[in-house]
Amino acid sequence: MVPDALPPSAVQPQSAEPPPDLSQVFHRLNNQLGVILANAELLEARLTDETQRARAGQVVAGALDAIRAIQELRRAIQLSGSTR
């Protein structure tokens, strides 16, 4: 099933506010991924069922990969001079 397209108002800014500072966006995203990572690591350590531990391990690996991707994106943007 294909989701309905978003209305233009959902993808266009609703006000004349300047775009957010990218460093703040990266910081918030890193914080949220840190929460996910910490909880997944706790689950991985506490779970006794191997299947569930493997799933928690996949979340840990995914969170670490996402954090690395954010770091790469931040470096690429800084090199291009696009951050404020």
Foldseek 3Di string as FASTA:
>chain_A
DDDDDDDPPVVDDPDPDDDDQVVVVLVVVLVVLVVQLVVLVVQLVPDDDPVSNVVSVVSNVVSVVVNVVSVVVVVVCVVVVNGD
